[in-house]
């Protein structure tokens, strides 16, 4: 896969071929409006064993930050100061049970994350969701919903329940590239009733 999807423009990259950190897993064709994705992933330390997992065909705008579990401090003691991470202090690392570790951060497929949004540790964002610019996402986001604000709040569903279920079962992002190319007239069609009927037909003919 090429790194630069736009010829002659180096401020947008497909993320997957640039990755070096094994704690970051990103699917095919997900891109970011920048030349260095890993600089947008902060506080990702190997001793926490957390991962950032992002699906296929996601669109990540400039300035987005994925804050990982290493940003969290011990909160069940008198001080939150991380003595154990800094030179000159006599403290062993706290037990993992004493740290507010929230697990992997997981972003689904075909998710659009707007400019300067912040995704906090352990958040799960469902397929087809949209995160508004400058949003701070601290809780899970359902598939095909729109969230915005600080803290991010539900704005609306993108589609009705029937179409959402159809799309989640269809999983167009897992199909071969050649087939996706043929599906573009459906994927970009704003007549949602037409989309429903065509996807149903395709699902019957190609289970």
N, C-alpha and C. Protein backbone atom coordinates (compact mmCIF):
# COMPACT_ATOMS: atom_id res chain seq x y z
N UNK A 1 0.85 -1.20 0.00
CA UNK A 1 0.00 0.00 0.00
C UNK A 1 0.88 1.24 0.00
N UNK A 2 0.53 2.21 -0.82
CA UNK A 2 1.26 3.47 -0.85
C UNK A 2 1.06 4.24 0.45
N UNK A 3 2.04 5.07 0.80
CA UNK A 3 1.92 5.90 2.00
C UNK A 3 1.13 7.16 1.71
N UNK A 4 1.39 7.77 0.56
CA UNK A 4 0.76 9.05 0.22
C UNK A 4 -0.35 8.83 -0.80
N UNK A 5 -1.62 8.90 -0.37
CA UNK A 5 -2.72 8.64 -1.30
C UNK A 5 -2.97 9.76 -2.30
N UNK A 6 -2.44 10.96 -2.03
CA UNK A 6 -2.60 12.09 -2.95
C UNK A 6 -1.23 12.42 -3.52
N UNK A 7 -1.06 12.22 -4.81
CA UNK A 7 0.24 12.42 -5.44
C UNK A 7 0.74 13.85 -5.23
N UNK A 8 2.00 13.97 -4.80
CA UNK A 8 2.62 15.27 -4.63
C UNK A 8 2.23 15.99 -3.35
N UNK A 9 1.48 15.33 -2.45
CA UNK A 9 1.02 15.96 -1.21
C UNK A 9 1.41 15.07 -0.04
N UNK A 10 2.28 15.56 0.85
CA UNK A 10 2.80 14.70 1.92
C UNK A 10 2.15 14.94 3.27
N UNK A 11 1.09 15.74 3.33
CA UNK A 11 0.42 16.03 4.60
C UNK A 11 -0.83 15.18 4.79
N UNK A 12 -0.92 14.09 4.04
CA UNK A 12 -1.97 13.11 4.26
C UNK A 12 -1.39 11.74 3.96
N UNK A 13 -1.53 10.82 4.89
CA UNK A 13 -0.92 9.50 4.71
C UNK A 13 -1.90 8.39 5.06
N UNK A 14 -1.73 7.27 4.36
CA UNK A 14 -2.33 6.04 4.85
C UNK A 14 -1.49 5.59 6.05
N UNK A 15 -2.15 5.27 7.15
CA UNK A 15 -1.45 5.04 8.41
C UNK A 15 -0.73 3.69 8.45
N UNK A 16 -1.38 2.64 8.01
CA UNK A 16 -0.88 1.28 8.22
C UNK A 16 0.56 1.08 7.79
N UNK A 17 0.97 1.51 6.60
CA UNK A 17 2.36 1.23 6.18
C UNK A 17 3.42 2.05 6.92
N UNK A 18 3.01 2.99 7.75
CA UNK A 18 3.98 3.83 8.46
C UNK A 18 4.23 3.37 9.89
N UNK A 19 3.47 2.40 10.37
CA UNK A 19 3.51 2.06 11.79
C UNK A 19 4.79 1.33 12.19
N UNK A 20 5.29 1.68 13.37
CA UNK A 20 6.46 1.02 13.95
C UNK A 20 6.14 0.42 15.32
N UNK A 21 5.22 1.02 16.05
CA UNK A 21 4.90 0.58 17.41
C UNK A 21 3.94 -0.61 17.36
N UNK A 22 4.33 -1.76 17.93
CA UNK A 22 3.45 -2.94 17.86
C UNK A 22 2.18 -2.81 18.69
N UNK A 23 2.10 -1.78 19.53
CA UNK A 23 0.88 -1.57 20.31
C UNK A 23 -0.18 -0.77 19.53
N UNK A 24 0.14 -0.41 18.30
CA UNK A 24 -0.81 0.30 17.44
C UNK A 24 -1.15 -0.59 16.25
N UNK A 25 -2.44 -0.84 16.06
CA UNK A 25 -2.90 -1.69 14.96
C UNK A 25 -3.93 -0.89 14.18
N UNK A 26 -3.70 -0.72 12.89
CA UNK A 26 -4.60 0.10 12.06
C UNK A 26 -4.90 -0.65 10.77
N UNK A 27 -6.17 -0.60 10.35
CA UNK A 27 -6.60 -1.31 9.16
C UNK A 27 -6.27 -0.59 7.86
N UNK A 28 -6.51 -1.28 6.77
CA UNK A 28 -6.22 -0.75 5.43
C UNK A 28 -7.01 0.52 5.14
N UNK A 29 -6.35 1.44 4.46
CA UNK A 29 -6.94 2.65 3.89
C UNK A 29 -7.36 3.70 4.91
N UNK A 30 -7.11 3.46 6.17
CA UNK A 30 -7.33 4.53 7.17
C UNK A 30 -6.25 5.58 6.97
N UNK A 31 -6.66 6.85 6.94
CA UNK A 31 -5.69 7.92 6.71
C UNK A 31 -5.79 9.00 7.78
N UNK A 32 -4.71 9.79 7.88
CA UNK A 32 -4.69 10.96 8.76
C UNK A 32 -4.20 12.15 7.95
N UNK A 33 -4.72 13.32 8.28
CA UNK A 33 -4.30 14.57 7.63
C UNK A 33 -3.04 15.08 8.30
N UNK A 34 -1.96 14.33 8.15
CA UNK A 34 -0.66 14.69 8.71
C UNK A 34 0.36 13.76 8.07
N UNK A 35 1.63 13.98 8.38
CA UNK A 35 2.69 13.14 7.82
C UNK A 35 3.26 12.16 8.84
N UNK A 36 2.75 12.19 10.10
CA UNK A 36 3.28 11.31 11.15
C UNK A 36 2.14 10.94 12.08
N UNK A 37 1.63 9.71 11.94
CA UNK A 37 0.50 9.30 12.77
C UNK A 37 0.89 9.07 14.22
N UNK A 38 2.01 8.41 14.46
CA UNK A 38 2.34 7.99 15.82
C UNK A 38 2.56 9.16 16.77
N UNK A 39 2.84 10.33 16.25
CA UNK A 39 2.97 11.51 17.12
C UNK A 39 1.62 11.93 17.70
N UNK A 40 0.53 11.40 17.16
CA UNK A 40 -0.82 11.71 17.65
C UNK A 40 -1.28 10.73 18.72
N UNK A 41 -0.44 9.75 19.03
CA UNK A 41 -0.75 8.75 20.06
C UNK A 41 0.15 9.03 21.26
N UNK A 42 -0.40 9.49 22.35
CA UNK A 42 0.42 9.93 23.47
C UNK A 42 0.25 9.00 24.68
N UNK A 43 1.31 8.93 25.49
CA UNK A 43 1.30 8.15 26.74
C UNK A 43 1.06 6.66 26.50
N UNK A 44 1.59 6.16 25.40
CA UNK A 44 1.47 4.72 25.11
C UNK A 44 2.77 4.05 25.54
N UNK A 45 2.74 3.38 26.71
CA UNK A 45 3.93 2.79 27.29
C UNK A 45 3.82 1.27 27.31
N UNK A 46 4.91 0.56 27.02
CA UNK A 46 4.82 -0.91 26.91
C UNK A 46 4.41 -1.58 28.21
N UNK A 47 4.74 -0.99 29.36
CA UNK A 47 4.42 -1.67 30.63
C UNK A 47 2.93 -1.69 30.94
N UNK A 48 2.15 -0.83 30.29
CA UNK A 48 0.70 -0.87 30.49
C UNK A 48 0.02 -1.91 29.61
N UNK A 49 0.70 -2.33 28.55
CA UNK A 49 0.21 -3.39 27.66
C UNK A 49 -1.11 -3.05 26.98
N UNK A 50 -1.44 -1.76 26.90
CA UNK A 50 -2.66 -1.40 26.18
C UNK A 50 -2.35 -1.20 24.70
N UNK A 51 -3.40 -1.24 23.89
CA UNK A 51 -3.25 -1.08 22.45
C UNK A 51 -4.23 -0.03 21.93
N UNK A 52 -3.85 0.59 20.83
CA UNK A 52 -4.76 1.41 20.03
C UNK A 52 -5.08 0.59 18.79
N UNK A 53 -6.35 0.28 18.61
CA UNK A 53 -6.79 -0.55 17.49
C UNK A 53 -7.80 0.26 16.68
N UNK A 54 -7.49 0.47 15.41
CA UNK A 54 -8.34 1.27 14.52
C UNK A 54 -8.66 0.43 13.28
N UNK A 55 -9.90 0.48 12.85
CA UNK A 55 -10.35 -0.32 11.72
C UNK A 55 -9.95 0.25 10.37
N UNK A 56 -10.64 -0.20 9.35
CA UNK A 56 -10.35 0.18 7.97
C UNK A 56 -11.14 1.43 7.56
N UNK A 57 -10.61 2.15 6.60
CA UNK A 57 -11.29 3.26 5.95
C UNK A 57 -11.69 4.38 6.90
N UNK A 58 -10.95 4.54 8.00
CA UNK A 58 -11.24 5.66 8.90
C UNK A 58 -10.59 6.93 8.38
N UNK A 59 -11.20 8.06 8.73
CA UNK A 59 -10.72 9.36 8.29
C UNK A 59 -10.40 10.19 9.52
N UNK A 60 -9.12 10.49 9.71
CA UNK A 60 -8.66 11.15 10.93
C UNK A 60 -8.11 12.52 10.56
N UNK A 61 -8.73 13.56 11.07
CA UNK A 61 -8.36 14.93 10.71
C UNK A 61 -7.10 15.37 11.44
N UNK A 62 -6.60 16.53 11.05
CA UNK A 62 -5.41 17.10 11.67
C UNK A 62 -5.67 17.40 13.15
N UNK A 63 -4.64 17.24 13.97
CA UNK A 63 -4.72 17.62 15.37
C UNK A 63 -5.40 16.65 16.29
N UNK A 64 -5.88 15.51 15.76
CA UNK A 64 -6.53 14.51 16.62
C UNK A 64 -5.49 13.89 17.54
N UNK A 65 -5.87 13.64 18.80
CA UNK A 65 -4.96 13.00 19.76
C UNK A 65 -5.65 11.79 20.39
N UNK A 66 -4.92 10.69 20.41
CA UNK A 66 -5.35 9.48 21.11
C UNK A 66 -4.54 9.40 22.40
N UNK A 67 -5.19 9.67 23.53
CA UNK A 67 -4.52 9.64 24.83
C UNK A 67 -4.65 8.24 25.40
N UNK A 68 -3.52 7.61 25.68
CA UNK A 68 -3.54 6.22 26.14
C UNK A 68 -3.43 6.15 27.67
N UNK A 69 -3.47 4.93 28.19
CA UNK A 69 -3.57 4.72 29.64
C UNK A 69 -2.40 5.27 30.44
N UNK A 70 -1.26 5.44 29.81
CA UNK A 70 -0.11 5.97 30.52
C UNK A 70 -0.31 7.38 31.03
N UNK A 71 -1.34 8.06 30.55
CA UNK A 71 -1.64 9.41 31.03
C UNK A 71 -2.33 9.40 32.39
N UNK A 72 -2.86 8.25 32.78
CA UNK A 72 -3.62 8.17 34.03
C UNK A 72 -2.68 8.09 35.24
N UNK A 73 -3.04 8.75 36.32
CA UNK A 73 -2.29 8.73 37.57
C UNK A 73 -3.08 7.97 38.64
N UNK A 74 -2.35 7.47 39.62
CA UNK A 74 -3.01 6.80 40.75
C UNK A 74 -3.89 7.81 41.49
N UNK A 75 -5.15 7.45 41.68
CA UNK A 75 -6.08 8.38 42.31
C UNK A 75 -6.63 7.89 43.65
N UNK A 76 -6.25 6.68 44.05
CA UNK A 76 -6.78 6.14 45.30
C UNK A 76 -5.80 6.32 46.46
N UNK A 77 -4.84 7.22 46.29
CA UNK A 77 -3.88 7.54 47.35
C UNK A 77 -3.94 9.04 47.61
N UNK A 78 -3.21 9.49 48.61
CA UNK A 78 -3.25 10.90 49.00
C UNK A 78 -2.79 11.81 47.87
N UNK A 79 -1.69 11.42 47.18
CA UNK A 79 -1.15 12.25 46.10
C UNK A 79 -1.29 11.54 44.77
N UNK A 80 -1.55 12.31 43.74
CA UNK A 80 -1.57 11.76 42.38
C UNK A 80 -0.22 11.90 41.69
N UNK A 81 0.78 12.48 42.36
CA UNK A 81 2.08 12.72 41.74
C UNK A 81 2.77 11.39 41.41
N UNK A 82 3.26 11.21 40.17
CA UNK A 82 3.84 9.93 39.75
C UNK A 82 5.32 9.83 40.11
N UNK A 83 5.63 9.74 41.39
CA UNK A 83 7.02 9.68 41.84
C UNK A 83 7.81 8.58 41.12
N UNK A 84 7.17 7.45 40.87
CA UNK A 84 7.88 6.28 40.34
C UNK A 84 8.38 6.50 38.92
N UNK A 85 7.84 7.46 38.21
CA UNK A 85 8.26 7.67 36.82
C UNK A 85 9.39 8.69 36.71
N UNK A 86 9.71 9.39 37.78
CA UNK A 86 10.65 10.51 37.72
C UNK A 86 11.91 10.21 38.51
N UNK A 87 13.04 10.68 37.99
CA UNK A 87 14.33 10.42 38.63
C UNK A 87 14.41 11.11 39.99
N UNK A 88 15.09 10.43 40.93
CA UNK A 88 15.37 11.04 42.22
C UNK A 88 14.38 10.72 43.31
N UNK A 89 13.32 9.94 42.99
CA UNK A 89 12.31 9.63 43.99
C UNK A 89 12.31 8.14 44.29
N UNK A 90 12.15 7.80 45.57
CA UNK A 90 12.23 6.41 46.01
C UNK A 90 10.84 5.80 46.08
N UNK A 91 10.35 5.36 44.91
CA UNK A 91 9.02 4.74 44.86
C UNK A 91 9.00 3.66 43.79
N UNK A 92 8.55 2.49 44.14
CA UNK A 92 8.33 1.43 43.17
C UNK A 92 7.02 1.70 42.43
N UNK A 93 6.90 1.23 41.19
CA UNK A 93 5.65 1.42 40.46
C UNK A 93 4.47 0.84 41.24
N UNK A 94 3.33 1.50 41.25
CA UNK A 94 2.15 0.95 41.93
C UNK A 94 1.65 -0.30 41.23
N UNK A 95 0.93 -1.11 41.95
CA UNK A 95 0.31 -2.29 41.34
C UNK A 95 -0.71 -1.83 40.29
N UNK A 96 -0.87 -2.64 39.27
CA UNK A 96 -1.81 -2.27 38.22
C UNK A 96 -3.22 -2.05 38.75
N UNK A 97 -3.58 -2.79 39.81
CA UNK A 97 -4.93 -2.63 40.37
C UNK A 97 -5.13 -1.25 41.00
N UNK A 98 -4.02 -0.57 41.29
CA UNK A 98 -4.12 0.77 41.88
C UNK A 98 -4.11 1.88 40.85
N UNK A 99 -3.98 1.51 39.57
CA UNK A 99 -3.99 2.51 38.51
C UNK A 99 -5.31 2.42 37.74
N UNK A 100 -5.84 3.55 37.31
CA UNK A 100 -7.11 3.54 36.57
C UNK A 100 -6.92 3.14 35.11
N UNK A 101 -6.45 1.93 34.88
CA UNK A 101 -6.24 1.43 33.52
C UNK A 101 -7.59 1.05 32.91
N UNK A 102 -7.83 1.50 31.70
CA UNK A 102 -9.15 1.32 31.09
C UNK A 102 -9.12 0.44 29.85
N UNK A 103 -8.02 -0.27 29.63
CA UNK A 103 -7.96 -1.22 28.52
C UNK A 103 -7.65 -0.58 27.19
N UNK A 104 -7.82 -1.37 26.14
CA UNK A 104 -7.51 -0.91 24.79
C UNK A 104 -8.48 0.17 24.33
N UNK A 105 -7.97 1.04 23.47
CA UNK A 105 -8.81 2.00 22.76
C UNK A 105 -9.12 1.41 21.39
N UNK A 106 -10.39 1.30 21.05
CA UNK A 106 -10.79 0.59 19.83
C UNK A 106 -11.70 1.48 18.99
N UNK A 107 -11.27 1.74 17.77
CA UNK A 107 -12.05 2.53 16.81
C UNK A 107 -12.50 1.60 15.71
N UNK A 108 -13.77 1.65 15.35
CA UNK A 108 -14.31 0.75 14.33
C UNK A 108 -13.87 1.11 12.92
N UNK A 109 -14.66 0.72 11.95
CA UNK A 109 -14.39 0.96 10.54
C UNK A 109 -15.20 2.14 10.02
N UNK A 110 -14.66 2.85 9.04
CA UNK A 110 -15.36 3.97 8.40
C UNK A 110 -15.81 5.01 9.43
N UNK A 111 -14.92 5.30 10.38
CA UNK A 111 -15.19 6.31 11.40
C UNK A 111 -14.51 7.61 10.99
N UNK A 112 -15.22 8.72 11.11
CA UNK A 112 -14.66 10.05 10.80
C UNK A 112 -14.44 10.78 12.12
N UNK A 113 -13.18 11.14 12.38
CA UNK A 113 -12.82 11.86 13.60
C UNK A 113 -12.39 13.27 13.21
N UNK A 114 -13.13 14.27 13.66
CA UNK A 114 -12.93 15.65 13.25
C UNK A 114 -11.70 16.29 13.87
N UNK A 115 -11.33 17.42 13.32
CA UNK A 115 -10.10 18.12 13.68
C UNK A 115 -10.00 18.42 15.18
N UNK A 116 -8.83 18.12 15.74
CA UNK A 116 -8.48 18.43 17.13
C UNK A 116 -9.32 17.66 18.16
N UNK A 117 -10.01 16.63 17.74
CA UNK A 117 -10.72 15.80 18.71
C UNK A 117 -9.71 15.04 19.58
N UNK A 118 -10.11 14.74 20.80
CA UNK A 118 -9.28 13.98 21.73
C UNK A 118 -10.04 12.72 22.13
N UNK A 119 -9.39 11.58 21.95
CA UNK A 119 -9.98 10.30 22.31
C UNK A 119 -9.27 9.80 23.56
N UNK A 120 -10.00 9.63 24.66
CA UNK A 120 -9.41 9.28 25.94
C UNK A 120 -9.24 7.75 26.08
N UNK A 121 -8.46 7.31 27.07
CA UNK A 121 -8.12 5.88 27.17
C UNK A 121 -9.33 4.97 27.30
N UNK A 122 -9.24 3.82 26.63
CA UNK A 122 -10.24 2.77 26.79
C UNK A 122 -11.55 2.99 26.06
N UNK A 123 -11.66 4.07 25.30
CA UNK A 123 -12.90 4.36 24.58
C UNK A 123 -13.07 3.39 23.41
N UNK A 124 -14.32 2.99 23.16
CA UNK A 124 -14.66 2.20 21.98
C UNK A 124 -15.61 3.04 21.12
N UNK A 125 -15.26 3.21 19.86
CA UNK A 125 -16.09 3.97 18.92
C UNK A 125 -16.55 3.01 17.83
N UNK A 126 -17.86 2.92 17.64
CA UNK A 126 -18.42 1.94 16.72
C UNK A 126 -18.26 2.30 15.26
N UNK A 127 -18.48 1.30 14.40
CA UNK A 127 -18.39 1.48 12.95
C UNK A 127 -19.28 2.64 12.50
N UNK A 128 -18.78 3.41 11.54
CA UNK A 128 -19.59 4.45 10.90
C UNK A 128 -19.90 5.66 11.74
N UNK A 129 -19.30 5.77 12.93
CA UNK A 129 -19.58 6.93 13.78
C UNK A 129 -18.85 8.17 13.28
N UNK A 130 -19.33 9.33 13.72
CA UNK A 130 -18.69 10.61 13.41
C UNK A 130 -18.43 11.34 14.72
N UNK A 131 -17.18 11.79 14.89
CA UNK A 131 -16.79 12.55 16.08
C UNK A 131 -16.52 13.98 15.64
N UNK A 132 -17.23 14.93 16.22
CA UNK A 132 -17.12 16.32 15.80
C UNK A 132 -15.77 16.93 16.16
N UNK A 133 -15.42 18.00 15.45
CA UNK A 133 -14.18 18.73 15.72
C UNK A 133 -14.15 19.22 17.16
N UNK A 134 -12.96 19.12 17.77
CA UNK A 134 -12.71 19.58 19.14
C UNK A 134 -13.43 18.78 20.21
N UNK A 135 -14.06 17.67 19.85
CA UNK A 135 -14.73 16.83 20.84
C UNK A 135 -13.71 16.16 21.75
N UNK A 136 -14.10 15.94 23.00
CA UNK A 136 -13.30 15.15 23.94
C UNK A 136 -14.12 13.92 24.28
N UNK A 137 -13.69 12.76 23.78
CA UNK A 137 -14.49 11.54 23.87
C UNK A 137 -13.97 10.69 25.02
N UNK A 138 -14.77 10.61 26.08
CA UNK A 138 -14.38 9.86 27.26
C UNK A 138 -15.24 8.65 27.53
N UNK A 139 -16.25 8.42 26.71
CA UNK A 139 -17.10 7.24 26.87
C UNK A 139 -17.41 6.67 25.49
N UNK A 140 -17.91 5.45 25.47
CA UNK A 140 -18.10 4.73 24.21
C UNK A 140 -19.11 5.42 23.30
N UNK A 141 -18.91 5.22 22.00
CA UNK A 141 -19.76 5.82 20.98
C UNK A 141 -20.39 4.69 20.17
N UNK A 142 -21.70 4.70 20.05
CA UNK A 142 -22.41 3.65 19.33
C UNK A 142 -22.17 3.76 17.81
N UNK A 143 -22.28 2.63 17.08
CA UNK A 143 -22.12 2.67 15.63
C UNK A 143 -23.10 3.65 14.97
N UNK A 144 -22.63 4.30 13.93
CA UNK A 144 -23.45 5.18 13.10
C UNK A 144 -24.18 6.25 13.90
N UNK A 145 -23.50 6.79 14.91
CA UNK A 145 -24.01 7.95 15.63
C UNK A 145 -23.04 9.11 15.46
N UNK A 146 -23.50 10.30 15.78
CA UNK A 146 -22.69 11.51 15.74
C UNK A 146 -22.56 12.03 17.16
N UNK A 147 -21.33 12.31 17.59
CA UNK A 147 -21.09 12.91 18.90
C UNK A 147 -20.25 14.17 18.73
N UNK A 148 -20.42 15.11 19.66
CA UNK A 148 -19.65 16.35 19.61
C UNK A 148 -19.63 16.98 21.00
N UNK A 149 -18.66 17.88 21.22
CA UNK A 149 -18.62 18.63 22.46
C UNK A 149 -17.58 18.12 23.44
N UNK A 150 -17.48 18.83 24.57
CA UNK A 150 -16.56 18.48 25.65
C UNK A 150 -17.31 18.53 26.98
N UNK A 151 -17.63 17.36 27.56
CA UNK A 151 -17.37 16.03 27.02
C UNK A 151 -18.29 15.72 25.84
N UNK A 152 -17.84 14.81 24.99
CA UNK A 152 -18.63 14.48 23.80
C UNK A 152 -19.99 13.93 24.19
N UNK A 153 -21.02 14.45 23.53
CA UNK A 153 -22.39 14.03 23.79
C UNK A 153 -23.04 13.55 22.49
N UNK A 154 -23.98 12.64 22.64
CA UNK A 154 -24.75 12.15 21.50
C UNK A 154 -25.51 13.30 20.85
N UNK A 155 -25.35 13.44 19.54
CA UNK A 155 -26.08 14.46 18.79
C UNK A 155 -27.28 13.83 18.07
N UNK A 156 -27.01 12.81 17.29
CA UNK A 156 -28.11 12.12 16.61
C UNK A 156 -27.60 10.83 15.97
N UNK A 157 -28.55 9.97 15.61
CA UNK A 157 -28.23 8.80 14.80
C UNK A 157 -28.06 9.22 13.35
N UNK A 158 -27.17 8.58 12.66
CA UNK A 158 -26.99 8.91 11.25
C UNK A 158 -28.12 8.33 10.39
N UNK A 159 -28.56 7.12 10.73
CA UNK A 159 -29.56 6.43 9.93
C UNK A 159 -30.58 5.77 10.86
N UNK A 160 -31.65 5.25 10.27
CA UNK A 160 -32.62 4.52 11.09
C UNK A 160 -32.05 3.15 11.48
N UNK A 161 -32.70 2.52 12.44
CA UNK A 161 -32.18 1.27 13.00
C UNK A 161 -32.04 0.18 11.94
N UNK A 162 -32.98 0.13 11.01
CA UNK A 162 -32.93 -0.92 9.98
C UNK A 162 -31.68 -0.79 9.14
N UNK A 163 -31.38 0.43 8.68
CA UNK A 163 -30.21 0.61 7.83
C UNK A 163 -28.93 0.36 8.61
N UNK A 164 -28.90 0.77 9.86
CA UNK A 164 -27.70 0.53 10.68
C UNK A 164 -27.43 -0.97 10.78
N UNK A 165 -28.47 -1.75 11.07
CA UNK A 165 -28.27 -3.20 11.19
C UNK A 165 -27.84 -3.82 9.86
N UNK A 166 -28.41 -3.33 8.77
CA UNK A 166 -28.02 -3.82 7.45
C UNK A 166 -26.54 -3.55 7.20
N UNK A 167 -26.09 -2.34 7.50
CA UNK A 167 -24.70 -1.97 7.25
C UNK A 167 -23.74 -2.73 8.15
N UNK A 168 -24.12 -2.93 9.41
CA UNK A 168 -23.24 -3.66 10.32
C UNK A 168 -23.09 -5.12 9.92
N UNK A 169 -24.13 -5.69 9.31
CA UNK A 169 -24.05 -7.07 8.83
C UNK A 169 -23.32 -7.15 7.49
N UNK A 170 -23.48 -6.11 6.68
CA UNK A 170 -22.90 -6.10 5.33
C UNK A 170 -21.38 -5.98 5.38
N UNK A 171 -20.83 -5.14 6.25
CA UNK A 171 -19.38 -4.96 6.43
C UNK A 171 -18.67 -4.70 5.10
N UNK A 172 -19.08 -3.65 4.40
CA UNK A 172 -18.51 -3.39 3.08
C UNK A 172 -16.99 -3.24 3.12
N UNK A 173 -16.46 -2.76 4.26
CA UNK A 173 -15.02 -2.51 4.37
C UNK A 173 -14.18 -3.77 4.34
N UNK A 174 -14.81 -4.94 4.54
CA UNK A 174 -14.07 -6.20 4.51
C UNK A 174 -14.06 -6.85 3.13
N UNK A 175 -14.71 -6.23 2.16
CA UNK A 175 -14.78 -6.82 0.83
C UNK A 175 -13.51 -6.52 0.04
N UNK A 176 -13.24 -7.29 -1.00
CA UNK A 176 -12.05 -7.03 -1.83
C UNK A 176 -12.10 -5.63 -2.45
N UNK A 177 -10.93 -5.08 -2.70
CA UNK A 177 -10.84 -3.72 -3.25
C UNK A 177 -11.63 -3.61 -4.56
N UNK A 178 -11.52 -4.61 -5.39
CA UNK A 178 -12.22 -4.56 -6.69
C UNK A 178 -13.73 -4.45 -6.49
N UNK A 179 -14.24 -5.19 -5.50
CA UNK A 179 -15.68 -5.15 -5.23
C UNK A 179 -16.08 -3.80 -4.62
N UNK A 180 -15.25 -3.28 -3.72
CA UNK A 180 -15.55 -1.96 -3.13
C UNK A 180 -15.61 -0.90 -4.22
N UNK A 181 -14.72 -0.97 -5.19
CA UNK A 181 -14.76 -0.01 -6.30
C UNK A 181 -16.10 -0.06 -7.02
N UNK A 182 -16.64 -1.26 -7.19
CA UNK A 182 -17.94 -1.40 -7.84
C UNK A 182 -19.09 -0.90 -6.96
N UNK A 183 -18.86 -0.91 -5.62
CA UNK A 183 -19.91 -0.51 -4.68
C UNK A 183 -19.95 1.01 -4.43
N UNK A 184 -18.99 1.74 -4.95
CA UNK A 184 -18.93 3.18 -4.67
C UNK A 184 -20.24 3.91 -5.01
N UNK A 185 -20.92 3.60 -6.11
CA UNK A 185 -22.20 4.27 -6.37
C UNK A 185 -23.25 4.04 -5.27
N UNK A 186 -23.14 2.94 -4.54
CA UNK A 186 -24.05 2.69 -3.41
C UNK A 186 -23.54 3.40 -2.16
N UNK A 187 -22.25 3.29 -1.92
CA UNK A 187 -21.66 3.86 -0.71
C UNK A 187 -21.76 5.38 -0.66
N UNK A 188 -21.87 6.00 -1.82
CA UNK A 188 -21.91 7.47 -1.88
C UNK A 188 -23.28 8.01 -2.27
N UNK A 189 -24.30 7.16 -2.23
CA UNK A 189 -25.65 7.56 -2.64
C UNK A 189 -26.43 8.08 -1.43
N UNK A 190 -27.02 9.25 -1.56
CA UNK A 190 -27.78 9.84 -0.45
C UNK A 190 -29.24 9.41 -0.42
N UNK A 191 -29.68 8.61 -1.39
CA UNK A 191 -31.02 8.04 -1.37
C UNK A 191 -30.98 6.78 -0.51
N UNK A 192 -31.26 6.92 0.77
CA UNK A 192 -31.03 5.82 1.71
C UNK A 192 -31.99 4.65 1.51
N UNK A 193 -33.18 4.92 1.00
CA UNK A 193 -34.09 3.82 0.70
C UNK A 193 -33.55 2.99 -0.46
N UNK A 194 -32.96 3.65 -1.45
CA UNK A 194 -32.31 2.93 -2.54
C UNK A 194 -31.16 2.09 -1.99
N UNK A 195 -30.36 2.68 -1.10
CA UNK A 195 -29.23 1.96 -0.51
C UNK A 195 -29.72 0.71 0.21
N UNK A 196 -30.77 0.87 1.02
CA UNK A 196 -31.32 -0.30 1.73
C UNK A 196 -31.67 -1.43 0.76
N UNK A 197 -32.41 -1.09 -0.28
CA UNK A 197 -32.88 -2.12 -1.19
C UNK A 197 -31.72 -2.78 -1.94
N UNK A 198 -30.73 -1.98 -2.34
CA UNK A 198 -29.60 -2.55 -3.09
C UNK A 198 -28.74 -3.44 -2.19
N UNK A 199 -28.51 -3.00 -0.96
CA UNK A 199 -27.68 -3.81 -0.06
C UNK A 199 -28.40 -5.11 0.27
N UNK A 200 -29.71 -5.05 0.47
CA UNK A 200 -30.47 -6.28 0.70
C UNK A 200 -30.33 -7.24 -0.47
N UNK A 201 -30.43 -6.71 -1.69
CA UNK A 201 -30.28 -7.54 -2.88
C UNK A 201 -28.89 -8.16 -2.95
N UNK A 202 -27.89 -7.35 -2.68
CA UNK A 202 -26.52 -7.85 -2.73
C UNK A 202 -26.25 -8.89 -1.66
N UNK A 203 -26.88 -8.70 -0.50
CA UNK A 203 -26.66 -9.65 0.60
C UNK A 203 -27.29 -11.00 0.30
N UNK A 204 -28.38 -10.97 -0.46
CA UNK A 204 -29.04 -12.23 -0.85
C UNK A 204 -28.21 -12.91 -1.93
N UNK A 205 -27.71 -12.13 -2.90
CA UNK A 205 -26.98 -12.72 -4.02
C UNK A 205 -25.56 -13.10 -3.66
N UNK A 206 -24.97 -12.38 -2.63
CA UNK A 206 -23.60 -12.67 -2.22
C UNK A 206 -23.56 -12.79 -0.69
N UNK A 207 -24.02 -13.90 -0.16
CA UNK A 207 -24.08 -14.05 1.29
C UNK A 207 -22.69 -14.04 1.90
